[in-house]
Every structure is written in structure tokens, then in C-alpha cells.
Full PDB file with SEQRES, HELIX, SHEET, SSBOND, CRYST1, ORIGX, SCALE, CONECT and MASTER records, all heavy atoms in Angstrom:
SEQRES   1 A   37  SER GLY ASP ILE GLY TYR LEU ASP SER ASP GLY TYR VAL          
SEQRES   2 A   37  PHE ILE THR GLY ARG LEU LYS GLU VAL ILE VAL LEU SER          
SEQRES   3 A   37  SER GLY LYS ASN ILE TYR PRO GLU GLU VAL GLU                  
HELIX    1 AA1 PRO A   33  VAL A   36  1                                   4    
SHEET    1 AA1 2 ASP A   3  LEU A   7  0                                        
SHEET    2 AA1 2 VAL A  13  ARG A  18 -1                                        
SHEET    1 AA2 2 ILE A  23  VAL A  24  0                                        
SHEET    2 AA2 2 ASN A  30  ILE A  31 -1                                        
CRYST1    1.000    1.000    1.000  90.00  90.00  90.00 P 1           1          
ORIGX1      1.000000  0.000000  0.000000        0.00000                         
ORIGX2      0.000000  1.000000  0.000000        0.00000                         
ORIGX3      0.000000  0.000000  1.000000        0.00000                         
SCALE1      1.000000  0.000000  0.000000        0.00000                         
SCALE2      0.000000  1.000000  0.000000        0.00000                         
SCALE3      0.000000  0.000000  1.000000        0.00000                         
ATOM      1  N   SER A   1       0.787  -1.232   0.000  1.00  0.00           N  
ATOM      2  CA  SER A   1       0.000   0.000   0.000  1.00  0.00           C  
ATOM      3  C   SER A   1       0.819   1.281   0.000  1.00  0.00           C  
ATOM      4  O   SER A   1       0.327   2.337  -0.398  1.00  0.00           O  
ATOM      5  CB  SER A   1      -0.931   0.013   1.217  1.00  0.00           C  
ATOM      6  OG  SER A   1      -0.167   0.111   2.414  1.00  0.00           O  
ATOM      7  N   GLY A   2       2.044   1.228   0.496  1.00  0.00           N  
ATOM      8  CA  GLY A   2       2.829   2.460   0.653  1.00  0.00           C  
ATOM      9  C   GLY A   2       2.520   3.164   1.953  1.00  0.00           C  
ATOM     10  O   GLY A   2       3.168   4.147   2.304  1.00  0.00           O  
ATOM     11  N   ASP A   3       1.529   2.658   2.707  1.00  0.00           N  
ATOM     12  CA  ASP A   3       1.211   3.208   4.026  1.00  0.00           C  
ATOM     13  C   ASP A   3       2.044   2.505   5.083  1.00  0.00           C  
ATOM     14  O   ASP A   3       2.260   1.291   5.019  1.00  0.00           O  
ATOM     15  CB  ASP A   3      -0.274   3.022   4.347  1.00  0.00           C  
ATOM     16  CG  ASP A   3      -1.156   3.961   3.551  1.00  0.00           C  
ATOM     17  OD1 ASP A   3      -0.777   5.134   3.395  1.00  0.00           O  
ATOM     18  OD2 ASP A   3      -2.218   3.523   3.070  1.00  0.00           O  
ATOM     19  N   ILE A   4       2.489   3.267   6.058  1.00  0.00           N  
ATOM     20  CA  ILE A   4       3.254   2.725   7.174  1.00  0.00           C  
ATOM     21  C   ILE A   4       2.337   2.591   8.386  1.00  0.00           C  
ATOM     22  O   ILE A   4       1.551   3.495   8.681  1.00  0.00           O  
ATOM     23  CB  ILE A   4       4.446   3.641   7.521  1.00  0.00           C  
ATOM     24  CG1 ILE A   4       5.400   3.750   6.328  1.00  0.00           C  
ATOM     25  CG2 ILE A   4       5.203   3.123   8.744  1.00  0.00           C  
ATOM     26  CD1 ILE A   4       6.053   2.456   5.935  1.00  0.00           C  
ATOM     27  N   GLY A   5       2.429   1.468   9.080  1.00  0.00           N  
ATOM     28  CA  GLY A   5       1.584   1.274  10.250  1.00  0.00           C  
ATOM     29  C   GLY A   5       1.938   0.007  10.986  1.00  0.00           C  
ATOM     30  O   GLY A   5       2.969  -0.627  10.734  1.00  0.00           O  
ATOM     31  N   TYR A   6       1.047  -0.411  11.882  1.00  0.00           N  
ATOM     32  CA  TYR A   6       1.276  -1.629  12.656  1.00  0.00           C  
ATOM     33  C   TYR A   6      -0.050  -2.267  13.051  1.00  0.00           C  
ATOM     34  O   TYR A   6      -1.111  -1.639  12.996  1.00  0.00           O  
ATOM     35  CB  TYR A   6       2.111  -1.329  13.905  1.00  0.00           C  
ATOM     36  CG  TYR A   6       1.451  -0.409  14.910  1.00  0.00           C  
ATOM     37  CD1 TYR A   6       0.648  -0.926  15.932  1.00  0.00           C  
ATOM     38  CD2 TYR A   6       1.622   0.974  14.842  1.00  0.00           C  
ATOM     39  CE1 TYR A   6       0.030  -0.086  16.850  1.00  0.00           C  
ATOM     40  CE2 TYR A   6       1.020   1.820  15.761  1.00  0.00           C  
ATOM     41  CZ  TYR A   6       0.221   1.280  16.759  1.00  0.00           C  
ATOM     42  OH  TYR A   6      -0.398   2.112  17.662  1.00  0.00           O  
ATOM     43  N   LEU A   7       0.021  -3.531  13.437  1.00  0.00           N  
ATOM     44  CA  LEU A   7      -1.120  -4.267  13.967  1.00  0.00           C  
ATOM     45  C   LEU A   7      -0.930  -4.413  15.473  1.00  0.00           C  
ATOM     46  O   LEU A   7       0.169  -4.749  15.922  1.00  0.00           O  
ATOM     47  CB  LEU A   7      -1.200  -5.668  13.346  1.00  0.00           C  
ATOM     48  CG  LEU A   7      -1.660  -5.777  11.890  1.00  0.00           C  
ATOM     49  CD1 LEU A   7      -1.343  -7.162  11.347  1.00  0.00           C  
ATOM     50  CD2 LEU A   7      -3.149  -5.510  11.778  1.00  0.00           C  
ATOM     51  N   ASP A   8      -1.980  -4.138  16.249  1.00  0.00           N  
ATOM     52  CA  ASP A   8      -1.846  -4.363  17.691  1.00  0.00           C  
ATOM     53  C   ASP A   8      -2.171  -5.823  18.011  1.00  0.00           C  
ATOM     54  O   ASP A   8      -2.458  -6.622  17.114  1.00  0.00           O  
ATOM     55  CB  ASP A   8      -2.702  -3.383  18.496  1.00  0.00           C  
ATOM     56  CG  ASP A   8      -4.202  -3.648  18.385  1.00  0.00           C  
ATOM     57  OD1 ASP A   8      -4.602  -4.639  17.740  1.00  0.00           O  
ATOM     58  OD2 ASP A   8      -4.984  -2.853  18.929  1.00  0.00           O  
ATOM     59  N   SER A   9      -2.128  -6.190  19.274  1.00  0.00           N  
ATOM     60  CA  SER A   9      -2.328  -7.583  19.676  1.00  0.00           C  
ATOM     61  C   SER A   9      -3.744  -8.085  19.397  1.00  0.00           C  
ATOM     62  O   SER A   9      -3.976  -9.292  19.352  1.00  0.00           O  
ATOM     63  CB  SER A   9      -2.006  -7.745  21.165  1.00  0.00           C  
ATOM     64  OG  SER A   9      -2.795  -6.841  21.937  1.00  0.00           O  
ATOM     65  N   ASP A  10      -4.699  -7.157  19.196  1.00  0.00           N  
ATOM     66  CA  ASP A  10      -6.087  -7.537  18.890  1.00  0.00           C  
ATOM     67  C   ASP A  10      -6.372  -7.576  17.396  1.00  0.00           C  
ATOM     68  O   ASP A  10      -7.510  -7.831  16.980  1.00  0.00           O  
ATOM     69  CB  ASP A  10      -7.068  -6.557  19.557  1.00  0.00           C  
ATOM     70  CG  ASP A  10      -6.989  -6.599  21.068  1.00  0.00           C  
ATOM     71  OD1 ASP A  10      -6.799  -7.702  21.619  1.00  0.00           O  
ATOM     72  OD2 ASP A  10      -7.111  -5.530  21.697  1.00  0.00           O  
ATOM     73  N   GLY A  11      -5.354  -7.269  16.581  1.00  0.00           N  
ATOM     74  CA  GLY A  11      -5.547  -7.292  15.136  1.00  0.00           C  
ATOM     75  C   GLY A  11      -6.052  -5.999  14.543  1.00  0.00           C  
ATOM     76  O   GLY A  11      -6.427  -5.950  13.367  1.00  0.00           O  
ATOM     77  N   TYR A  12      -6.066  -4.916  15.332  1.00  0.00           N  
ATOM     78  CA  TYR A  12      -6.477  -3.604  14.827  1.00  0.00           C  
ATOM     79  C   TYR A  12      -5.307  -2.952  14.084  1.00  0.00           C  
ATOM     80  O   TYR A  12      -4.153  -3.048  14.516  1.00  0.00           O  
ATOM     81  CB  TYR A  12      -6.919  -2.694  15.970  1.00  0.00           C  
ATOM     82  CG  TYR A  12      -8.290  -2.991  16.518  1.00  0.00           C  
ATOM     83  CD1 TYR A  12      -8.522  -4.113  17.309  1.00  0.00           C  
ATOM     84  CD2 TYR A  12      -9.372  -2.155  16.242  1.00  0.00           C  
ATOM     85  CE1 TYR A  12      -9.781  -4.394  17.803  1.00  0.00           C  
ATOM     86  CE2 TYR A  12     -10.642  -2.436  16.746  1.00  0.00           C  
ATOM     87  CZ  TYR A  12     -10.840  -3.557  17.533  1.00  0.00           C  
ATOM     88  OH  TYR A  12     -12.085  -3.836  18.024  1.00  0.00           O  
ATOM     89  N   VAL A  13      -5.630  -2.300  12.972  1.00  0.00           N  
ATOM     90  CA  VAL A  13      -4.610  -1.636  12.148  1.00  0.00           C  
ATOM     91  C   VAL A  13      -4.483  -0.175  12.571  1.00  0.00           C  
ATOM     92  O   VAL A  13      -5.484   0.532  12.705  1.00  0.00           O  
ATOM     93  CB  VAL A  13      -4.973  -1.716  10.653  1.00  0.00           C  
ATOM     94  CG1 VAL A  13      -3.912  -1.001   9.805  1.00  0.00           C  
ATOM     95  CG2 VAL A  13      -5.123  -3.164  10.208  1.00  0.00           C  
ATOM     96  N   PHE A  14      -3.241   0.258  12.749  1.00  0.00           N  
ATOM     97  CA  PHE A  14      -2.943   1.659  13.042  1.00  0.00           C  
ATOM     98  C   PHE A  14      -2.021   2.179  11.948  1.00  0.00           C  
ATOM     99  O   PHE A  14      -1.004   1.551  11.638  1.00  0.00           O  
ATOM    100  CB  PHE A  14      -2.258   1.811  14.402  1.00  0.00           C  
ATOM    101  CG  PHE A  14      -3.161   1.565  15.579  1.00  0.00           C  
ATOM    102  CD1 PHE A  14      -3.485   0.268  15.962  1.00  0.00           C  
ATOM    103  CD2 PHE A  14      -3.706   2.627  16.291  1.00  0.00           C  
ATOM    104  CE1 PHE A  14      -4.327   0.027  17.037  1.00  0.00           C  
ATOM    105  CE2 PHE A  14      -4.558   2.401  17.367  1.00  0.00           C  
ATOM    106  CZ  PHE A  14      -4.860   1.092  17.744  1.00  0.00           C  
ATOM    107  N   ILE A  15      -2.387   3.311  11.341  1.00  0.00           N  
ATOM    108  CA  ILE A  15      -1.570   3.908  10.275  1.00  0.00           C  
ATOM    109  C   ILE A  15      -0.796   5.088  10.847  1.00  0.00           C  
ATOM    110  O   ILE A  15      -1.370   5.968  11.486  1.00  0.00           O  
ATOM    111  CB  ILE A  15      -2.453   4.368   9.095  1.00  0.00           C  
ATOM    112  CG1 ILE A  15      -3.177   3.156   8.501  1.00  0.00           C  
ATOM    113  CG2 ILE A  15      -1.615   5.057   8.020  1.00  0.00           C  
ATOM    114  CD1 ILE A  15      -4.200   3.510   7.453  1.00  0.00           C  
ATOM    115  N   THR A  16       0.492   5.094  10.607  1.00  0.00           N  
ATOM    116  CA  THR A  16       1.358   6.134  11.187  1.00  0.00           C  
ATOM    117  C   THR A  16       1.995   7.057  10.151  1.00  0.00           C  
ATOM    118  O   THR A  16       2.543   8.094  10.506  1.00  0.00           O  
ATOM    119  CB  THR A  16       2.464   5.480  12.031  1.00  0.00           C  
ATOM    120  OG1 THR A  16       3.200   4.544  11.217  1.00  0.00           O  
ATOM    121  CG2 THR A  16       1.875   4.731  13.222  1.00  0.00           C  
ATOM    122  N   GLY A  17       1.941   6.705   8.872  1.00  0.00           N  
ATOM    123  CA  GLY A  17       2.547   7.584   7.864  1.00  0.00           C  
ATOM    124  C   GLY A  17       2.501   6.973   6.478  1.00  0.00           C  
ATOM    125  O   GLY A  17       1.838   5.963   6.240  1.00  0.00           O  
ATOM    126  N   ARG A  18       3.216   7.614   5.549  1.00  0.00           N  
ATOM    127  CA  ARG A  18       3.278   7.162   4.162  1.00  0.00           C  
ATOM    128  C   ARG A  18       4.709   6.878   3.781  1.00  0.00           C  
ATOM    129  O   ARG A  18       5.623   7.618   4.117  1.00  0.00           O  
ATOM    130  CB  ARG A  18       2.724   8.236   3.218  1.00  0.00           C  
ATOM    131  CG  ARG A  18       1.233   8.264   3.082  1.00  0.00           C  
ATOM    132  CD  ARG A  18       0.674   7.092   2.317  1.00  0.00           C  
ATOM    133  NE  ARG A  18       1.043   7.064   0.904  1.00  0.00           N  
ATOM    134  CZ  ARG A  18       0.739   6.073   0.088  1.00  0.00           C  
ATOM    135  NH1 ARG A  18       0.117   5.012   0.529  1.00  0.00           N  
ATOM    136  NH2 ARG A  18       1.086   6.119  -1.176  1.00  0.00           N  
ATOM    137  N   LEU A  19       4.883   5.766   3.058  1.00  0.00           N  
ATOM    138  CA  LEU A  19       6.211   5.433   2.560  1.00  0.00           C  
ATOM    139  C   LEU A  19       6.626   6.440   1.498  1.00  0.00           C  
ATOM    140  O   LEU A  19       7.759   6.898   1.445  1.00  0.00           O  
ATOM    141  CB  LEU A  19       6.198   4.015   1.978  1.00  0.00           C  
ATOM    142  CG  LEU A  19       7.540   3.347   1.723  1.00  0.00           C  
ATOM    143  CD1 LEU A  19       8.316   3.195   3.024  1.00  0.00           C  
ATOM    144  CD2 LEU A  19       7.333   1.973   1.086  1.00  0.00           C  
ATOM    145  N   LYS A  20       5.674   6.812   0.652  1.00  0.00           N  
ATOM    146  CA  LYS A  20       5.928   7.835  -0.359  1.00  0.00           C  
ATOM    147  C   LYS A  20       5.561   9.194   0.207  1.00  0.00           C  
ATOM    148  O   LYS A  20       4.747   9.296   1.117  1.00  0.00           O  
ATOM    149  CB  LYS A  20       5.095   7.555  -1.621  1.00  0.00           C  
ATOM    150  CG  LYS A  20       5.448   6.251  -2.308  1.00  0.00           C  
ATOM    151  CD  LYS A  20       4.539   6.036  -3.507  1.00  0.00           C  
ATOM    152  CE  LYS A  20       4.851   4.723  -4.210  1.00  0.00           C  
ATOM    153  NZ  LYS A  20       3.946   4.489  -5.364  1.00  0.00           N  
ATOM    154  N   GLU A  21       6.130  10.198  -0.325  1.00  0.00           N  
ATOM    155  CA  GLU A  21       5.851  11.549   0.163  1.00  0.00           C  
ATOM    156  C   GLU A  21       4.594  12.094  -0.503  1.00  0.00           C  
ATOM    157  O   GLU A  21       4.644  12.707  -1.572  1.00  0.00           O  
ATOM    158  CB  GLU A  21       7.042  12.468  -0.115  1.00  0.00           C  
ATOM    159  CG  GLU A  21       8.267  12.100   0.694  1.00  0.00           C  
ATOM    160  CD  GLU A  21       9.424  13.040   0.439  1.00  0.00           C  
ATOM    161  OE1 GLU A  21       9.338  13.866  -0.479  1.00  0.00           O  
ATOM    162  OE2 GLU A  21      10.423  12.932   1.148  1.00  0.00           O  
ATOM    163  N   VAL A  22       3.473  11.847   0.141  1.00  0.00           N  
ATOM    164  CA  VAL A  22       2.212  12.403  -0.336  1.00  0.00           C  
ATOM    165  C   VAL A  22       1.516  13.040   0.853  1.00  0.00           C  
ATOM    166  O   VAL A  22       1.527  12.506   1.950  1.00  0.00           O  
ATOM    167  CB  VAL A  22       1.310  11.327  -0.984  1.00  0.00           C  
ATOM    168  CG1 VAL A  22       1.023  10.205  -0.016  1.00  0.00           C  
ATOM    169  CG2 VAL A  22       0.009  11.925  -1.497  1.00  0.00           C  
ATOM    170  N   ILE A  23       0.951  14.225   0.639  1.00  0.00           N  
ATOM    171  CA  ILE A  23       0.273  14.952   1.708  1.00  0.00           C  
ATOM    172  C   ILE A  23      -1.236  14.761   1.518  1.00  0.00           C  
ATOM    173  O   ILE A  23      -1.784  15.114   0.483  1.00  0.00           O  
ATOM    174  CB  ILE A  23       0.624  16.454   1.665  1.00  0.00           C  
ATOM    175  CG1 ILE A  23       2.146  16.649   1.807  1.00  0.00           C  
ATOM    176  CG2 ILE A  23      -0.108  17.214   2.775  1.00  0.00           C  
ATOM    177  CD1 ILE A  23       2.627  18.043   1.432  1.00  0.00           C  
ATOM    178  N   VAL A  24      -1.888  14.151   2.512  1.00  0.00           N  
ATOM    179  CA  VAL A  24      -3.330  13.923   2.463  1.00  0.00           C  
ATOM    180  C   VAL A  24      -4.016  14.940   3.359  1.00  0.00           C  
ATOM    181  O   VAL A  24      -3.802  14.963   4.570  1.00  0.00           O  
ATOM    182  CB  VAL A  24      -3.698  12.497   2.923  1.00  0.00           C  
ATOM    183  CG1 VAL A  24      -5.196  12.269   2.789  1.00  0.00           C  
ATOM    184  CG2 VAL A  24      -2.937  11.468   2.097  1.00  0.00           C  
ATOM    185  N   LEU A  25      -4.820  15.828   2.753  1.00  0.00           N  
ATOM    186  CA  LEU A  25      -5.552  16.821   3.535  1.00  0.00           C  
ATOM    187  C   LEU A  25      -6.693  16.153   4.289  1.00  0.00           C  
ATOM    188  O   LEU A  25      -7.096  15.041   3.980  1.00  0.00           O  
ATOM    189  CB  LEU A  25      -6.098  17.916   2.615  1.00  0.00           C  
ATOM    190  CG  LEU A  25      -5.077  18.658   1.741  1.00  0.00           C  
ATOM    191  CD1 LEU A  25      -5.771  19.779   0.984  1.00  0.00           C  
ATOM    192  CD2 LEU A  25      -3.944  19.227   2.572  1.00  0.00           C  
ATOM    193  N   SER A  26      -7.228  16.837   5.281  1.00  0.00           N  
ATOM    194  CA  SER A  26      -8.305  16.267   6.084  1.00  0.00           C  
ATOM    195  C   SER A  26      -9.581  16.051   5.264  1.00  0.00           C  
ATOM    196  O   SER A  26     -10.478  15.333   5.670  1.00  0.00           O  
ATOM    197  CB  SER A  26      -8.615  17.172   7.286  1.00  0.00           C  
ATOM    198  OG  SER A  26      -9.006  18.449   6.851  1.00  0.00           O  
ATOM    199  N   SER A  27      -9.657  16.679   4.089  1.00  0.00           N  
ATOM    200  CA  SER A  27     -10.805  16.483   3.193  1.00  0.00           C  
ATOM    201  C   SER A  27     -10.682  15.198   2.372  1.00  0.00           C  
ATOM    202  O   SER A  27     -11.599  14.812   1.673  1.00  0.00           O  
ATOM    203  CB  SER A  27     -10.915  17.676   2.232  1.00  0.00           C  
ATOM    204  OG  SER A  27      -9.766  17.736   1.402  1.00  0.00           O  
ATOM    205  N   GLY A  28      -9.504  14.554   2.472  1.00  0.00           N  
ATOM    206  CA  GLY A  28      -9.267  13.359   1.681  1.00  0.00           C  
ATOM    207  C   GLY A  28      -8.515  13.637   0.387  1.00  0.00           C  
ATOM    208  O   GLY A  28      -8.140  12.725  -0.337  1.00  0.00           O  
ATOM    209  N   LYS A  29      -8.278  14.906   0.089  1.00  0.00           N  
ATOM    210  CA  LYS A  29      -7.575  15.312  -1.128  1.00  0.00           C  
ATOM    211  C   LYS A  29      -6.087  14.977  -1.014  1.00  0.00           C  
ATOM    212  O   LYS A  29      -5.450  15.277  -0.010  1.00  0.00           O  
ATOM    213  CB  LYS A  29      -7.746  16.825  -1.343  1.00  0.00           C  
ATOM    214  CG  LYS A  29      -7.024  17.388  -2.549  1.00  0.00           C  
ATOM    215  CD  LYS A  29      -7.732  17.062  -3.837  1.00  0.00           C  
ATOM    216  CE  LYS A  29      -7.101  17.776  -5.029  1.00  0.00           C  
ATOM    217  NZ  LYS A  29      -7.767  17.435  -6.284  1.00  0.00           N  
ATOM    218  N   ASN A  30      -5.535  14.326  -2.042  1.00  0.00           N  
ATOM    219  CA  ASN A  30      -4.109  14.004  -2.076  1.00  0.00           C  
ATOM    220  C   ASN A  30      -3.317  15.123  -2.735  1.00  0.00           C  
ATOM    221  O   ASN A  30      -3.660  15.572  -3.834  1.00  0.00           O  
ATOM    222  CB  ASN A  30      -3.868  12.704  -2.851  1.00  0.00           C  
ATOM    223  CG  ASN A  30      -4.342  11.490  -2.096  1.00  0.00           C  
ATOM    224  OD1 ASN A  30      -4.592  11.573  -0.896  1.00  0.00           O  
ATOM    225  ND2 ASN A  30      -4.466  10.372  -2.777  1.00  0.00           N  
ATOM    226  N   ILE A  31      -2.275  15.578  -2.049  1.00  0.00           N  
ATOM    227  CA  ILE A  31      -1.378  16.584  -2.614  1.00  0.00           C  
ATOM    228  C   ILE A  31      -0.035  15.924  -2.876  1.00  0.00           C  
ATOM    229  O   ILE A  31       0.607  15.427  -1.947  1.00  0.00           O  
ATOM    230  CB  ILE A  31      -1.188  17.787  -1.651  1.00  0.00           C  
ATOM    231  CG1 ILE A  31      -2.542  18.426  -1.313  1.00  0.00           C  
ATOM    232  CG2 ILE A  31      -0.236  18.816  -2.260  1.00  0.00           C  
ATOM    233  CD1 ILE A  31      -3.264  19.027  -2.488  1.00  0.00           C  
ATOM    234  N   TYR A  32       0.377  15.896  -4.137  1.00  0.00           N  
ATOM    235  CA  TYR A  32       1.639  15.272  -4.498  1.00  0.00           C  
ATOM    236  C   TYR A  32       2.702  16.358  -4.636  1.00  0.00           C  
ATOM    237  O   TYR A  32       2.672  17.161  -5.577  1.00  0.00           O  
ATOM    238  CB  TYR A  32       1.484  14.489  -5.809  1.00  0.00           C  
ATOM    239  CG  TYR A  32       0.534  13.344  -5.662  1.00  0.00           C  
ATOM    240  CD1 TYR A  32      -0.835  13.540  -5.821  1.00  0.00           C  
ATOM    241  CD2 TYR A  32       0.978  12.085  -5.308  1.00  0.00           C  
ATOM    242  CE1 TYR A  32      -1.734  12.489  -5.646  1.00  0.00           C  
ATOM    243  CE2 TYR A  32       0.096  11.036  -5.133  1.00  0.00           C  
ATOM    244  CZ  TYR A  32      -1.259  11.246  -5.300  1.00  0.00           C  
ATOM    245  OH  TYR A  32      -2.136  10.207  -5.128  1.00  0.00           O  
ATOM    246  N   PRO A  33       3.647  16.417  -3.677  1.00  0.00           N  
ATOM    247  CA  PRO A  33       4.652  17.487  -3.655  1.00  0.00           C  
ATOM    248  C   PRO A  33       5.385  17.668  -4.973  1.00  0.00           C  
ATOM    249  O   PRO A  33       5.641  18.787  -5.393  1.00  0.00           O  
ATOM    250  CB  PRO A  33       5.616  17.037  -2.546  1.00  0.00           C  
ATOM    251  CG  PRO A  33       4.785  16.207  -1.639  1.00  0.00           C  
ATOM    252  CD  PRO A  33       3.814  15.487  -2.536  1.00  0.00           C  
ATOM    253  N   GLU A  34       5.713  16.553  -5.638  1.00  0.00           N  
ATOM    254  CA  GLU A  34       6.467  16.640  -6.885  1.00  0.00           C  
ATOM    255  C   GLU A  34       5.708  17.439  -7.948  1.00  0.00           C  
ATOM    256  O   GLU A  34       6.299  18.233  -8.675  1.00  0.00           O  
ATOM    257  CB  GLU A  34       6.775  15.230  -7.406  1.00  0.00           C  
ATOM    258  CG  GLU A  34       7.678  15.233  -8.636  1.00  0.00           C  
ATOM    259  CD  GLU A  34       7.994  13.823  -9.107  1.00  0.00           C  
ATOM    260  OE1 GLU A  34       7.662  12.870  -8.386  1.00  0.00           O  
ATOM    261  OE2 GLU A  34       8.563  13.694 -10.198  1.00  0.00           O  
ATOM    262  N   GLU A  35       4.382  17.221  -8.006  1.00  0.00           N  
ATOM    263  CA  GLU A  35       3.589  17.929  -9.001  1.00  0.00           C  
ATOM    264  C   GLU A  35       3.496  19.417  -8.673  1.00  0.00           C  
ATOM    265  O   GLU A  35       3.530  20.263  -9.571  1.00  0.00           O  
ATOM    266  CB  GLU A  35       2.197  17.305  -9.085  1.00  0.00           C  
ATOM    267  CG  GLU A  35       2.209  15.883  -9.631  1.00  0.00           C  
ATOM    268  CD  GLU A  35       0.820  15.321  -9.833  1.00  0.00           C  
ATOM    269  OE1 GLU A  35      -0.152  15.998  -9.449  1.00  0.00           O  
ATOM    270  OE2 GLU A  35       0.708  14.218 -10.392  1.00  0.00           O  
ATOM    271  N   VAL A  36       3.385  19.749  -7.387  1.00  0.00           N  
ATOM    272  CA  VAL A  36       3.334  21.159  -6.976  1.00  0.00           C  
ATOM    273  C   VAL A  36       4.677  21.826  -7.260  1.00  0.00           C  
ATOM    274  O   VAL A  36       4.752  22.964  -7.738  1.00  0.00           O  
ATOM    275  CB  VAL A  36       2.980  21.273  -5.475  1.00  0.00           C  
ATOM    276  CG1 VAL A  36       2.964  22.739  -5.041  1.00  0.00           C  
ATOM    277  CG2 VAL A  36       1.620  20.638  -5.196  1.00  0.00           C  
ATOM    278  N   GLU A  37       5.762  21.095  -6.968  1.00  0.00           N  
ATOM    279  CA  GLU A  37       7.114  21.632  -7.199  1.00  0.00           C  
ATOM    280  C   GLU A  37       7.350  21.959  -8.673  1.00  0.00           C  
ATOM    281  O   GLU A  37       7.980  22.974  -9.010  1.00  0.00           O  
ATOM    282  CB  GLU A  37       8.152  20.622  -6.709  1.00  0.00           C  
ATOM    283  CG  GLU A  37       8.220  20.530  -5.187  1.00  0.00           C  
ATOM    284  CD  GLU A  37       9.019  19.341  -4.701  1.00  0.00           C  
ATOM    285  OE1 GLU A  37       9.594  18.620  -5.545  1.00  0.00           O  
ATOM    286  OE2 GLU A  37       9.065  19.134  -3.483  1.00  0.00           O  
TER     287      GLU A  37                                                      
MASTER        0    0    0    1    4    0    0    6  286    1    0    3          
END                                                                             
């Protein structure tokens, strides 16, 4: 997926970041730094 995260002992998924540099706004909009640059 390119998402960084972990599974807890109960099998719940926690997402902590992105492997690729993409900025996700709270609206769900993806901002790709390379394209803005």
C-alpha cells in the first residue's frame, strides 16, 4: 500500500505515515509534492 503502520495484539490496524511523500488533507484530497514543485 505504501502506508506505514502496525497491527496491535487484537488485530487492529494503526496507520502512522506514508512510505511515499504524499500529503493527504483532512478532506481526503491528495497533494503530491512533486507535481506542486
